[in-house]
Structures are given as structure tokens and as C-alpha cells.
Amino acid sequence: MIGCDPIVTANKSTLVVMREGRTFVAMNTHGTPTAAFVDRPELAFPGRELRHRGADAAGAGNVGTLDA
């Protein structure tokens, strides 16, 4: 899977189709704020949590990251 946006990559509907040992994820780790972050500036971008979600779903060895 090519995950161009970490929020979409770690979305519940995306995670359910990943299979440990079968799915490889190339995840962009660059945090691009959504409208929710503009409307609520107190929110912190959950980059680390999003990477962990992908690793839990596909397996830690099956997630490659890049800051694009």
C-alpha cells in the first residue's frame, strides 16, 4: 500500500484490509494538517501514533516510512 497521507493510511477502514505478513506499507510520515487542525489549533498531529497503527496492522517489518 502506498500511504500518501498518514491520517488516511492509519484510518480504520484502511487498517482493516491490511494483513500482517501480506501487506507492505510505504507510509509518508509528513504531517499535513486537516481542517480539524485548522479549526482546533490545540490539537497535536498524532504522527507517532499513526505509524504505530500501521505497524500493528501490517507488521513492524512491513512498514517503510519516508518524509515526503
PDB file of N, CA and C in Angstrom:
ATOM      1  N   MET A   1       0.840  -1.151   0.000  1.00  0.00           N
ATOM      2  CA  MET A   1       0.000   0.000   0.000  1.00  0.00           C
ATOM      3  C   MET A   1       0.892   1.224   0.000  1.00  0.00           C
ATOM      4  N   ILE A   2       0.530   2.198  -0.777  1.00  0.00           N
ATOM      5  CA  ILE A   2       1.244   3.471  -0.778  1.00  0.00           C
ATOM      6  C   ILE A   2       0.382   4.449   0.012  1.00  0.00           C
ATOM      7  N   GLY A   3       0.879   4.814   1.172  1.00  0.00           N
ATOM      8  CA  GLY A   3       0.147   5.712   2.054  1.00  0.00           C
ATOM      9  C   GLY A   3       0.664   7.129   1.917  1.00  0.00           C
ATOM     10  N   CYS A   4       0.012   7.914   1.073  1.00  0.00           N
ATOM     11  CA  CYS A   4       0.471   9.280   0.810  1.00  0.00           C
ATOM     12  C   CYS A   4       0.183  10.228   1.964  1.00  0.00           C
ATOM     13  N   ASP A   5      -0.780   9.899   2.776  1.00  0.00           N
ATOM     14  CA  ASP A   5      -1.175  10.747   3.903  1.00  0.00           C
ATOM     15  C   ASP A   5      -1.271   9.845   5.132  1.00  0.00           C
ATOM     16  N   PRO A   6      -0.546  10.154   6.219  1.00  0.00           N
ATOM     17  CA  PRO A   6      -0.554   9.272   7.380  1.00  0.00           C
ATOM     18  C   PRO A   6      -1.918   9.130   8.044  1.00  0.00           C
ATOM     19  N   ILE A   7      -2.736  10.160   7.982  1.00  0.00           N
ATOM     20  CA  ILE A   7      -4.066  10.075   8.602  1.00  0.00           C
ATOM     21  C   ILE A   7      -4.938   9.082   7.836  1.00  0.00           C
ATOM     22  N   VAL A   8      -4.895   9.126   6.524  1.00  0.00           N
ATOM     23  CA  VAL A   8      -5.677   8.193   5.707  1.00  0.00           C
ATOM     24  C   VAL A   8      -5.099   6.785   5.811  1.00  0.00           C
ATOM     25  N   THR A   9      -3.777   6.672   5.813  1.00  0.00           N
ATOM     26  CA  THR A   9      -3.130   5.365   5.909  1.00  0.00           C
ATOM     27  C   THR A   9      -3.527   4.643   7.192  1.00  0.00           C
ATOM     28  N   ALA A  10      -3.646   5.369   8.287  1.00  0.00           N
ATOM     29  CA  ALA A  10      -3.963   4.764   9.577  1.00  0.00           C
ATOM     30  C   ALA A  10      -5.448   4.837   9.923  1.00  0.00           C
ATOM     31  N   ASN A  11      -6.274   5.141   8.941  1.00  0.00           N
ATOM     32  CA  ASN A  11      -7.716   5.181   9.149  1.00  0.00           C
ATOM     33  C   ASN A  11      -8.239   3.765   9.383  1.00  0.00           C
ATOM     34  N   LYS A  12      -9.268   3.637  10.188  1.00  0.00           N
ATOM     35  CA  LYS A  12      -9.828   2.313  10.499  1.00  0.00           C
ATOM     36  C   LYS A  12     -10.206   1.531   9.247  1.00  0.00           C
ATOM     37  N   SER A  13     -10.804   2.199   8.265  1.00  0.00           N
ATOM     38  CA  SER A  13     -11.231   1.489   7.055  1.00  0.00           C
ATOM     39  C   SER A  13     -10.040   1.023   6.219  1.00  0.00           C
ATOM     40  N   THR A  14      -8.912   1.662   6.341  1.00  0.00           N
ATOM     41  CA  THR A  14      -7.701   1.238   5.643  1.00  0.00           C
ATOM     42  C   THR A  14      -7.019   0.116   6.408  1.00  0.00           C
ATOM     43  N   LEU A  15      -6.953   0.235   7.721  1.00  0.00           N
ATOM     44  CA  LEU A  15      -6.264  -0.754   8.544  1.00  0.00           C
ATOM     45  C   LEU A  15      -6.910  -2.139   8.472  1.00  0.00           C
ATOM     46  N   VAL A  16      -8.227  -2.192   8.318  1.00  0.00           N
ATOM     47  CA  VAL A  16      -8.903  -3.494   8.321  1.00  0.00           C
ATOM     48  C   VAL A  16      -8.570  -4.347   7.102  1.00  0.00           C
ATOM     49  N   VAL A  17      -8.082  -3.738   6.032  1.00  0.00           N
ATOM     50  CA  VAL A  17      -7.730  -4.521   4.846  1.00  0.00           C
ATOM     51  C   VAL A  17      -6.255  -4.940   4.839  1.00  0.00           C
ATOM     52  N   MET A  18      -5.482  -4.460   5.811  1.00  0.00           N
ATOM     53  CA  MET A  18      -4.077  -4.847   5.908  1.00  0.00           C
ATOM     54  C   MET A  18      -3.961  -6.198   6.596  1.00  0.00           C
ATOM     55  N   ARG A  19      -3.000  -6.990   6.164  1.00  0.00           N
ATOM     56  CA  ARG A  19      -2.753  -8.295   6.766  1.00  0.00           C
ATOM     57  C   ARG A  19      -1.276  -8.431   7.091  1.00  0.00           C
ATOM     58  N   GLU A  20      -0.996  -8.736   8.337  1.00  0.00           N
ATOM     59  CA  GLU A  20       0.386  -8.923   8.761  1.00  0.00           C
ATOM     60  C   GLU A  20       1.028 -10.038   7.942  1.00  0.00           C
ATOM     61  N   GLY A  21       2.188  -9.766   7.395  1.00  0.00           N
ATOM     62  CA  GLY A  21       2.891 -10.736   6.575  1.00  0.00           C
ATOM     63  C   GLY A  21       2.509 -10.709   5.108  1.00  0.00           C
ATOM     64  N   ARG A  22       1.431 -10.014   4.758  1.00  0.00           N
ATOM     65  CA  ARG A  22       0.998  -9.930   3.351  1.00  0.00           C
ATOM     66  C   ARG A  22       1.031  -8.508   2.820  1.00  0.00           C
ATOM     67  N   THR A  23       0.876  -7.539   3.710  1.00  0.00           N
ATOM     68  CA  THR A  23       0.791  -6.144   3.300  1.00  0.00           C
ATOM     69  C   THR A  23       2.104  -5.436   3.591  1.00  0.00           C
ATOM     70  N   PHE A  24       2.622  -4.692   2.615  1.00  0.00           N
ATOM     71  CA  PHE A  24       3.752  -3.806   2.849  1.00  0.00           C
ATOM     72  C   PHE A  24       3.238  -2.393   2.674  1.00  0.00           C
ATOM     73  N   VAL A  25       3.582  -1.536   3.607  1.00  0.00           N
ATOM     74  CA  VAL A  25       3.115  -0.155   3.590  1.00  0.00           C
ATOM     75  C   VAL A  25       4.304   0.778   3.386  1.00  0.00           C
ATOM     76  N   ALA A  26       4.205   1.621   2.390  1.00  0.00           N
ATOM     77  CA  ALA A  26       5.145   2.722   2.202  1.00  0.00           C
ATOM     78  C   ALA A  26       4.400   3.962   2.675  1.00  0.00           C
ATOM     79  N   MET A  27       4.731   4.419   3.886  1.00  0.00           N
ATOM     80  CA  MET A  27       3.947   5.476   4.527  1.00  0.00           C
ATOM     81  C   MET A  27       4.700   6.808   4.531  1.00  0.00           C
ATOM     82  N   ASN A  28       4.032   7.812   4.001  1.00  0.00           N
ATOM     83  CA  ASN A  28       4.537   9.169   4.096  1.00  0.00           C
ATOM     84  C   ASN A  28       4.311   9.635   5.533  1.00  0.00           C
ATOM     85  N   THR A  29       5.355  10.074   6.208  1.00  0.00           N
ATOM     86  CA  THR A  29       5.222  10.490   7.606  1.00  0.00           C
ATOM     87  C   THR A  29       5.082  11.999   7.748  1.00  0.00           C
ATOM     88  N   HIS A  30       5.118  12.709   6.632  1.00  0.00           N
ATOM     89  CA  HIS A  30       4.989  14.168   6.692  1.00  0.00           C
ATOM     90  C   HIS A  30       3.580  14.522   7.149  1.00  0.00           C
ATOM     91  N   GLY A  31       3.476  15.250   8.224  1.00  0.00           N
ATOM     92  CA  GLY A  31       2.172  15.609   8.776  1.00  0.00           C
ATOM     93  C   GLY A  31       1.541  16.778   8.046  1.00  0.00           C
ATOM     94  N   THR A  32       0.453  16.506   7.372  1.00  0.00           N
ATOM     95  CA  THR A  32      -0.304  17.548   6.689  1.00  0.00           C
ATOM     96  C   THR A  32      -1.592  17.768   7.465  1.00  0.00           C
ATOM     97  N   PRO A  33      -1.735  18.910   8.097  1.00  0.00           N
ATOM     98  CA  PRO A  33      -2.938  19.150   8.901  1.00  0.00           C
ATOM     99  C   PRO A  33      -4.211  19.127   8.071  1.00  0.00           C
ATOM    100  N   THR A  34      -5.239  18.574   8.657  1.00  0.00           N
ATOM    101  CA  THR A  34      -6.564  18.586   8.034  1.00  0.00           C
ATOM    102  C   THR A  34      -7.324  19.802   8.544  1.00  0.00           C
ATOM    103  N   ALA A  35      -8.531  19.971   8.077  1.00  0.00           N
ATOM    104  CA  ALA A  35      -9.352  21.106   8.509  1.00  0.00           C
ATOM    105  C   ALA A  35      -9.562  21.091  10.020  1.00  0.00           C
ATOM    106  N   ALA A  36      -9.625  19.898  10.610  1.00  0.00           N
ATOM    107  CA  ALA A  36      -9.818  19.805  12.062  1.00  0.00           C
ATOM    108  C   ALA A  36      -8.682  20.504  12.817  1.00  0.00           C
ATOM    109  N   PHE A  37      -7.473  20.422  12.283  1.00  0.00           N
ATOM    110  CA  PHE A  37      -6.333  21.056  12.943  1.00  0.00           C
ATOM    111  C   PHE A  37      -6.368  22.570  12.763  1.00  0.00           C
ATOM    112  N   VAL A  38      -6.937  23.033  11.676  1.00  0.00           N
ATOM    113  CA  VAL A  38      -7.061  24.471  11.445  1.00  0.00           C
ATOM    114  C   VAL A  38      -8.120  25.041  12.376  1.00  0.00           C
ATOM    115  N   ASP A  39      -9.230  24.321  12.504  1.00  0.00           N
ATOM    116  CA  ASP A  39     -10.326  24.777  13.359  1.00  0.00           C
ATOM    117  C   ASP A  39     -10.002  24.658  14.836  1.00  0.00           C
ATOM    118  N   ARG A  40      -9.130  23.700  15.187  1.00  0.00           N
ATOM    119  CA  ARG A  40      -8.794  23.461  16.600  1.00  0.00           C
ATOM    120  C   ARG A  40      -7.272  23.426  16.752  1.00  0.00           C
ATOM    121  N   PRO A  41      -6.642  24.590  16.846  1.00  0.00           N
ATOM    122  CA  PRO A  41      -5.176  24.661  16.880  1.00  0.00           C
ATOM    123  C   PRO A  41      -4.545  23.986  18.100  1.00  0.00           C
ATOM    124  N   GLU A  42      -5.322  23.645  19.092  1.00  0.00           N
ATOM    125  CA  GLU A  42      -4.771  22.964  20.274  1.00  0.00           C
ATOM    126  C   GLU A  42      -4.472  21.489  20.004  1.00  0.00           C
ATOM    127  N   LEU A  43      -4.974  20.949  18.898  1.00  0.00           N
ATOM    128  CA  LEU A  43      -4.711  19.556  18.555  1.00  0.00           C
ATOM    129  C   LEU A  43      -3.258  19.382  18.141  1.00  0.00           C
ATOM    130  N   ALA A  44      -2.675  18.293  18.548  1.00  0.00           N
ATOM    131  CA  ALA A  44      -1.314  17.950  18.134  1.00  0.00           C
ATOM    132  C   ALA A  44      -1.393  16.861  17.068  1.00  0.00           C
ATOM    133  N   PHE A  45      -0.544  16.965  16.044  1.00  0.00           N
ATOM    134  CA  PHE A  45      -0.561  15.961  14.981  1.00  0.00           C
ATOM    135  C   PHE A  45      -0.063  14.633  15.539  1.00  0.00           C
ATOM    136  N   PRO A  46      -0.849  13.563  15.414  1.00  0.00           N
ATOM    137  CA  PRO A  46      -0.522  12.275  16.045  1.00  0.00           C
ATOM    138  C   PRO A  46       0.386  11.375  15.191  1.00  0.00           C
ATOM    139  N   GLY A  47       1.471  11.923  14.667  1.00  0.00           N
ATOM    140  CA  GLY A  47       2.325  11.176  13.748  1.00  0.00           C
ATOM    141  C   GLY A  47       2.831   9.854  14.280  1.00  0.00           C
ATOM    142  N   ARG A  48       3.339   9.856  15.488  1.00  0.00           N
ATOM    143  CA  ARG A  48       3.888   8.620  16.066  1.00  0.00           C
ATOM    144  C   ARG A  48       2.807   7.554  16.221  1.00  0.00           C
ATOM    145  N   GLU A  49       1.645   7.958  16.705  1.00  0.00           N
ATOM    146  CA  GLU A  49       0.526   7.015  16.880  1.00  0.00           C
ATOM    147  C   GLU A  49       0.096   6.431  15.537  1.00  0.00           C
ATOM    148  N   LEU A  50       0.069   7.259  14.503  1.00  0.00           N
ATOM    149  CA  LEU A  50      -0.338   6.793  13.181  1.00  0.00           C
ATOM    150  C   LEU A  50       0.642   5.761  12.638  1.00  0.00           C
ATOM    151  N   ARG A  51       1.942   5.975  12.841  1.00  0.00           N
ATOM    152  CA  ARG A  51       2.940   4.995  12.404  1.00  0.00           C
ATOM    153  C   ARG A  51       2.773   3.679  13.149  1.00  0.00           C
ATOM    154  N   HIS A  52       2.480   3.751  14.438  1.00  0.00           N
ATOM    155  CA  HIS A  52       2.276   2.535  15.236  1.00  0.00           C
ATOM    156  C   HIS A  52       1.042   1.758  14.771  1.00  0.00           C
ATOM    157  N   ARG A  53       0.000   2.460  14.392  1.00  0.00           N
ATOM    158  CA  ARG A  53      -1.201   1.778  13.893  1.00  0.00           C
ATOM    159  C   ARG A  53      -0.890   0.976  12.634  1.00  0.00           C
ATOM    160  N   GLY A  54      -0.134   1.575  11.727  1.00  0.00           N
ATOM    161  CA  GLY A  54       0.249   0.871  10.509  1.00  0.00           C
ATOM    162  C   GLY A  54       1.116  -0.336  10.807  1.00  0.00           C
ATOM    163  N   ALA A  55       2.054  -0.183  11.733  1.00  0.00           N
ATOM    164  CA  ALA A  55       2.937  -1.294  12.112  1.00  0.00           C
ATOM    165  C   ALA A  55       2.155  -2.409  12.790  1.00  0.00           C
ATOM    166  N   ASP A  56       1.168  -2.068  13.589  1.00  0.00           N
ATOM    167  CA  ASP A  56       0.341  -3.086  14.244  1.00  0.00           C
ATOM    168  C   ASP A  56      -0.469  -3.880  13.220  1.00  0.00           C
ATOM    169  N   ALA A  57      -0.946  -3.212  12.186  1.00  0.00           N
ATOM    170  CA  ALA A  57      -1.795  -3.870  11.194  1.00  0.00           C
ATOM    171  C   ALA A  57      -0.990  -4.701  10.190  1.00  0.00           C
ATOM    172  N   ALA A  58       0.136  -4.174   9.722  1.00  0.00           N
ATOM    173  CA  ALA A  58       0.892  -4.847   8.671  1.00  0.00           C
ATOM    174  C   ALA A  58       2.102  -5.612   9.203  1.00  0.00           C
ATOM    175  N   GLY A  59       2.494  -5.330  10.429  1.00  0.00           N
ATOM    176  CA  GLY A  59       3.702  -5.913  10.996  1.00  0.00           C
ATOM    177  C   GLY A  59       4.821  -4.887  10.940  1.00  0.00           C
ATOM    178  N   ALA A  60       5.563  -4.761  12.013  1.00  0.00           N
ATOM    179  CA  ALA A  60       6.586  -3.718  12.120  1.00  0.00           C
ATOM    180  C   ALA A  60       7.601  -3.785  10.979  1.00  0.00           C
ATOM    181  N   GLY A  61       7.953  -4.977  10.536  1.00  0.00           N
ATOM    182  CA  GLY A  61       8.921  -5.121   9.460  1.00  0.00           C
ATOM    183  C   GLY A  61       8.370  -4.853   8.082  1.00  0.00           C
ATOM    184  N   ASN A  62       7.080  -4.615   7.996  1.00  0.00           N
ATOM    185  CA  ASN A  62       6.431  -4.389   6.699  1.00  0.00           C
ATOM    186  C   ASN A  62       6.008  -2.960   6.465  1.00  0.00           C
ATOM    187  N   VAL A  63       6.553  -2.045   7.257  1.00  0.00           N
ATOM    188  CA  VAL A  63       6.213  -0.635   7.090  1.00  0.00           C
ATOM    189  C   VAL A  63       7.492   0.137   6.825  1.00  0.00           C
ATOM    190  N   GLY A  64       7.541   0.752   5.662  1.00  0.00           N
ATOM    191  CA  GLY A  64       8.632   1.654   5.328  1.00  0.00           C
ATOM    192  C   GLY A  64       8.114   3.069   5.403  1.00  0.00           C
ATOM    193  N   THR A  65       8.923   3.980   5.889  1.00  0.00           N
ATOM    194  CA  THR A  65       8.470   5.361   6.030  1.00  0.00           C
ATOM    195  C   THR A  65       9.376   6.311   5.256  1.00  0.00           C
ATOM    196  N   LEU A  66       8.800   7.411   4.825  1.00  0.00           N
ATOM    197  CA  LEU A  66       9.553   8.472   4.178  1.00  0.00           C
ATOM    198  C   LEU A  66       8.853   9.780   4.457  1.00  0.00           C
ATOM    199  N   ASP A  67       9.627  10.829   4.568  1.00  0.00           N
ATOM    200  CA  ASP A  67       9.079  12.164   4.818  1.00  0.00           C
ATOM    201  C   ASP A  67       8.989  12.870   3.479  1.00  0.00           C
ATOM    202  N   ALA A  68       7.823  12.781   2.878  1.00  0.00           N
ATOM    203  CA  ALA A  68       7.657  13.363   1.537  1.00  0.00           C
ATOM    204  C   ALA A  68       6.808  14.607   1.622  1.00  0.00           C
TER     205      ALA A  68
END
